[in-house]
Amino acid sequence: MKKNMYPLWNENIAKAIAKTENIILNKKHWEIIYLIRKCYDDFNIIPPSRMLFNIIKKKLGKKYSNNIYILSLFPKGIAKQANKIAGLPKSNICL
């Protein structure tokens, strides 16, 4: 079983995926992408929103740990866009 949707994931692949999503990645996007990937690597799960927001709060601060901020970066949300760009597999959880 592959751990990531893109086992050879790198920043160039992320940029290509983001381009198909009409997103130009900047430093703020990369911060979230790498936090998502670290969570997945550390716990072998796709991070649920609450878990991810807690991690963001600890790493980046409270003002960045909310859905409004995430949606400003990834308009389709964590599950449909951020995780995809980060190279994570699709979640089995119903949305």
N, C-alpha and C. Protein backbone atom coordinates (compact mmCIF):
# COMPACT_ATOMS: atom_id res chain seq x y z
N MET A 1 0.84 -1.19 0.00
CA MET A 1 0.00 0.00 0.00
C MET A 1 0.88 1.24 0.00
N LYS A 2 0.63 2.16 -0.91
CA LYS A 2 1.41 3.38 -0.98
C LYS A 2 1.04 4.30 0.17
N LYS A 3 2.05 4.91 0.74
CA LYS A 3 1.79 5.83 1.83
C LYS A 3 1.20 7.14 1.32
N ASN A 4 1.75 7.67 0.25
CA ASN A 4 1.28 8.92 -0.31
C ASN A 4 0.69 8.69 -1.69
N MET A 5 -0.24 9.56 -2.07
CA MET A 5 -0.83 9.47 -3.40
C MET A 5 0.26 9.64 -4.44
N TYR A 6 1.23 10.48 -4.17
CA TYR A 6 2.36 10.71 -5.06
C TYR A 6 3.62 10.29 -4.29
N PRO A 7 4.02 9.02 -4.40
CA PRO A 7 5.14 8.53 -3.59
C PRO A 7 6.44 9.28 -3.85
N LEU A 8 6.58 9.86 -5.01
CA LEU A 8 7.78 10.63 -5.32
C LEU A 8 7.48 12.12 -5.22
N TRP A 9 6.58 12.48 -4.33
CA TRP A 9 6.14 13.86 -4.16
C TRP A 9 7.33 14.77 -3.89
N ASN A 10 7.28 15.92 -4.50
CA ASN A 10 8.25 16.97 -4.21
C ASN A 10 7.58 18.32 -4.49
N GLU A 11 8.29 19.39 -4.28
CA GLU A 11 7.69 20.71 -4.45
C GLU A 11 7.26 20.97 -5.89
N ASN A 12 7.98 20.43 -6.86
CA ASN A 12 7.58 20.63 -8.26
C ASN A 12 6.26 19.94 -8.57
N ILE A 13 6.07 18.76 -8.01
CA ILE A 13 4.79 18.06 -8.18
C ILE A 13 3.68 18.86 -7.50
N ALA A 14 3.96 19.36 -6.31
CA ALA A 14 2.96 20.17 -5.59
C ALA A 14 2.58 21.40 -6.41
N LYS A 15 3.58 22.05 -7.00
CA LYS A 15 3.31 23.24 -7.83
C LYS A 15 2.44 22.88 -9.03
N ALA A 16 2.71 21.73 -9.64
CA ALA A 16 1.92 21.30 -10.80
C ALA A 16 0.48 21.01 -10.39
N ILE A 17 0.30 20.33 -9.26
CA ILE A 17 -1.06 20.04 -8.76
C ILE A 17 -1.77 21.35 -8.44
N ALA A 18 -1.06 22.26 -7.75
CA ALA A 18 -1.65 23.55 -7.39
C ALA A 18 -2.07 24.33 -8.63
N LYS A 19 -1.27 24.25 -9.67
CA LYS A 19 -1.61 24.96 -10.91
C LYS A 19 -2.93 24.46 -11.48
N THR A 20 -3.17 23.14 -11.41
CA THR A 20 -4.44 22.60 -11.89
C THR A 20 -5.60 23.07 -11.02
N GLU A 21 -5.29 23.47 -9.79
CA GLU A 21 -6.30 23.98 -8.85
C GLU A 21 -6.37 25.51 -8.88
N ASN A 22 -5.64 26.13 -9.81
CA ASN A 22 -5.59 27.59 -9.92
C ASN A 22 -5.05 28.27 -8.66
N ILE A 23 -4.03 27.66 -8.07
CA ILE A 23 -3.38 28.22 -6.88
C ILE A 23 -1.90 28.41 -7.19
N ILE A 24 -1.41 29.58 -6.87
CA ILE A 24 0.03 29.85 -6.95
C ILE A 24 0.54 29.79 -5.52
N LEU A 25 1.39 28.82 -5.26
CA LEU A 25 1.85 28.58 -3.89
C LEU A 25 2.83 29.66 -3.44
N ASN A 26 2.63 30.09 -2.19
CA ASN A 26 3.56 31.02 -1.56
C ASN A 26 3.99 30.45 -0.21
N LYS A 27 4.75 31.22 0.53
CA LYS A 27 5.29 30.75 1.82
C LYS A 27 4.19 30.25 2.77
N LYS A 28 3.07 30.94 2.80
CA LYS A 28 1.98 30.55 3.70
C LYS A 28 1.38 29.20 3.31
N HIS A 29 1.25 28.96 2.00
CA HIS A 29 0.78 27.66 1.53
C HIS A 29 1.75 26.55 1.95
N TRP A 30 3.04 26.80 1.73
CA TRP A 30 4.05 25.79 2.05
C TRP A 30 4.06 25.46 3.53
N GLU A 31 3.85 26.45 4.40
CA GLU A 31 3.80 26.17 5.84
C GLU A 31 2.71 25.14 6.14
N ILE A 32 1.55 25.35 5.58
CA ILE A 32 0.43 24.43 5.82
C ILE A 32 0.69 23.08 5.16
N ILE A 33 1.18 23.08 3.95
CA ILE A 33 1.46 21.82 3.24
C ILE A 33 2.44 20.97 4.03
N TYR A 34 3.51 21.58 4.51
CA TYR A 34 4.50 20.80 5.26
C TYR A 34 4.00 20.36 6.63
N LEU A 35 3.12 21.13 7.25
CA LEU A 35 2.51 20.67 8.51
C LEU A 35 1.59 19.47 8.25
N ILE A 36 0.84 19.51 7.17
CA ILE A 36 -0.04 18.39 6.81
C ILE A 36 0.81 17.14 6.56
N ARG A 37 1.87 17.28 5.79
CA ARG A 37 2.74 16.13 5.47
C ARG A 37 3.41 15.58 6.72
N LYS A 38 3.86 16.47 7.61
CA LYS A 38 4.50 16.01 8.84
C LYS A 38 3.52 15.22 9.71
N CYS A 39 2.31 15.73 9.81
CA CYS A 39 1.28 15.03 10.59
C CYS A 39 1.02 13.65 9.99
N TYR A 40 0.91 13.58 8.68
CA TYR A 40 0.67 12.31 8.02
C TYR A 40 1.84 11.36 8.24
N ASP A 41 3.06 11.86 8.11
CA ASP A 41 4.24 11.03 8.31
C ASP A 41 4.37 10.56 9.76
N ASP A 42 4.08 11.45 10.72
CA ASP A 42 4.22 11.13 12.14
C ASP A 42 3.16 10.16 12.64
N PHE A 43 1.92 10.33 12.19
CA PHE A 43 0.81 9.57 12.74
C PHE A 43 0.18 8.60 11.75
N ASN A 44 0.62 8.65 10.49
CA ASN A 44 0.10 7.78 9.44
C ASN A 44 -1.42 7.90 9.27
N ILE A 45 -1.90 9.12 9.45
CA ILE A 45 -3.31 9.41 9.22
C ILE A 45 -3.42 10.74 8.47
N ILE A 46 -4.50 10.89 7.76
CA ILE A 46 -4.80 12.18 7.16
C ILE A 46 -5.34 13.03 8.31
N PRO A 47 -4.69 14.15 8.61
CA PRO A 47 -5.09 14.89 9.81
C PRO A 47 -6.49 15.47 9.71
N PRO A 48 -7.33 15.11 10.69
CA PRO A 48 -8.65 15.74 10.75
C PRO A 48 -8.47 17.24 11.02
N SER A 49 -9.44 18.03 10.63
CA SER A 49 -9.33 19.50 10.75
C SER A 49 -8.96 19.93 12.16
N ARG A 50 -9.61 19.40 13.15
CA ARG A 50 -9.35 19.83 14.54
C ARG A 50 -7.90 19.56 14.92
N MET A 51 -7.41 18.39 14.55
CA MET A 51 -6.02 18.03 14.84
C MET A 51 -5.07 18.99 14.11
N LEU A 52 -5.35 19.23 12.84
CA LEU A 52 -4.50 20.12 12.06
C LEU A 52 -4.53 21.54 12.63
N PHE A 53 -5.70 22.03 13.01
CA PHE A 53 -5.78 23.37 13.58
C PHE A 53 -4.98 23.47 14.88
N ASN A 54 -4.98 22.41 15.69
CA ASN A 54 -4.17 22.42 16.91
C ASN A 54 -2.69 22.46 16.60
N ILE A 55 -2.28 21.73 15.58
CA ILE A 55 -0.86 21.74 15.17
C ILE A 55 -0.49 23.12 14.63
N ILE A 56 -1.35 23.69 13.80
CA ILE A 56 -1.10 25.02 13.25
C ILE A 56 -0.99 26.05 14.38
N LYS A 57 -1.88 25.94 15.34
CA LYS A 57 -1.87 26.87 16.48
C LYS A 57 -0.54 26.82 17.21
N LYS A 58 -0.03 25.61 17.45
CA LYS A 58 1.24 25.45 18.16
C LYS A 58 2.42 25.96 17.33
N LYS A 59 2.40 25.72 16.03
CA LYS A 59 3.54 26.06 15.17
C LYS A 59 3.51 27.48 14.63
N LEU A 60 2.32 27.97 14.27
CA LEU A 60 2.23 29.25 13.59
C LEU A 60 1.49 30.33 14.39
N GLY A 61 0.70 29.92 15.37
CA GLY A 61 -0.04 30.89 16.17
C GLY A 61 -1.54 30.75 15.99
N LYS A 62 -2.26 31.24 16.97
CA LYS A 62 -3.71 31.10 17.02
C LYS A 62 -4.42 31.74 15.82
N LYS A 63 -3.93 32.88 15.35
CA LYS A 63 -4.64 33.57 14.27
C LYS A 63 -4.63 32.80 12.94
N TYR A 64 -3.77 31.79 12.84
CA TYR A 64 -3.70 30.98 11.62
C TYR A 64 -4.43 29.63 11.76
N SER A 65 -4.94 29.36 12.92
CA SER A 65 -5.52 28.03 13.18
C SER A 65 -7.04 28.03 13.09
N ASN A 66 -7.53 28.48 11.93
CA ASN A 66 -8.98 28.50 11.75
C ASN A 66 -9.32 28.26 10.28
N ASN A 67 -10.54 27.92 10.05
CA ASN A 67 -11.00 27.57 8.71
C ASN A 67 -10.96 28.76 7.76
N ILE A 68 -11.19 29.95 8.26
CA ILE A 68 -11.17 31.15 7.41
C ILE A 68 -9.78 31.32 6.79
N TYR A 69 -8.75 31.15 7.61
CA TYR A 69 -7.38 31.29 7.11
C TYR A 69 -7.08 30.19 6.09
N ILE A 70 -7.42 28.95 6.41
CA ILE A 70 -7.15 27.83 5.50
C ILE A 70 -7.88 28.04 4.17
N LEU A 71 -9.13 28.47 4.24
CA LEU A 71 -9.89 28.70 3.01
C LEU A 71 -9.35 29.88 2.20
N SER A 72 -8.66 30.81 2.83
CA SER A 72 -8.04 31.90 2.08
C SER A 72 -6.87 31.37 1.25
N LEU A 73 -6.27 30.28 1.69
CA LEU A 73 -5.16 29.67 0.96
C LEU A 73 -5.63 28.57 0.01
N PHE A 74 -6.55 27.76 0.50
CA PHE A 74 -7.07 26.61 -0.24
C PHE A 74 -8.60 26.72 -0.27
N PRO A 75 -9.16 27.43 -1.26
CA PRO A 75 -10.60 27.73 -1.28
C PRO A 75 -11.52 26.51 -1.24
N LYS A 76 -11.05 25.37 -1.69
CA LYS A 76 -11.88 24.16 -1.64
C LYS A 76 -11.68 23.39 -0.35
N GLY A 77 -10.85 23.88 0.54
CA GLY A 77 -10.68 23.30 1.85
C GLY A 77 -9.50 22.35 1.99
N ILE A 78 -9.34 21.86 3.20
CA ILE A 78 -8.23 20.96 3.52
C ILE A 78 -8.38 19.64 2.78
N ALA A 79 -9.52 19.01 2.92
CA ALA A 79 -9.70 17.66 2.36
C ALA A 79 -9.64 17.63 0.84
N LYS A 80 -10.25 18.62 0.20
CA LYS A 80 -10.34 18.58 -1.26
C LYS A 80 -9.16 19.22 -1.97
N GLN A 81 -8.41 20.07 -1.29
CA GLN A 81 -7.36 20.78 -2.00
C GLN A 81 -6.00 20.70 -1.30
N ALA A 82 -5.93 21.08 -0.05
CA ALA A 82 -4.64 21.12 0.64
C ALA A 82 -4.00 19.73 0.71
N ASN A 83 -4.77 18.74 1.08
CA ASN A 83 -4.23 17.38 1.16
C ASN A 83 -3.79 16.87 -0.20
N LYS A 84 -4.54 17.22 -1.22
CA LYS A 84 -4.20 16.80 -2.58
C LYS A 84 -2.86 17.40 -3.00
N ILE A 85 -2.69 18.68 -2.77
CA ILE A 85 -1.43 19.35 -3.12
C ILE A 85 -0.28 18.81 -2.29
N ALA A 86 -0.57 18.43 -1.06
CA ALA A 86 0.46 17.87 -0.16
C ALA A 86 0.79 16.42 -0.51
N GLY A 87 0.07 15.83 -1.46
CA GLY A 87 0.39 14.48 -1.90
C GLY A 87 -0.17 13.37 -1.03
N LEU A 88 -1.17 13.68 -0.21
CA LEU A 88 -1.78 12.66 0.64
C LEU A 88 -2.85 11.91 -0.14
N PRO A 89 -3.11 10.66 0.26
CA PRO A 89 -4.19 9.91 -0.40
C PRO A 89 -5.54 10.51 -0.03
N LYS A 90 -6.55 10.15 -0.80
CA LYS A 90 -7.90 10.59 -0.48
C LYS A 90 -8.35 9.94 0.82
N SER A 91 -9.11 10.67 1.59
CA SER A 91 -9.62 10.16 2.86
C SER A 91 -10.79 9.21 2.65
N ASN A 92 -10.92 8.25 3.54
CA ASN A 92 -12.05 7.32 3.51
C ASN A 92 -13.25 7.90 4.25
N ILE A 93 -13.03 8.99 4.96
CA ILE A 93 -14.07 9.60 5.79
C ILE A 93 -15.06 10.33 4.90
N CYS A 94 -16.34 10.13 5.15
CA CYS A 94 -17.39 10.83 4.41
C CYS A 94 -17.34 12.31 4.76
N LEU A 95 -17.46 13.13 3.75
CA LEU A 95 -17.45 14.59 4.00
C LEU A 95 -18.79 15.17 3.68
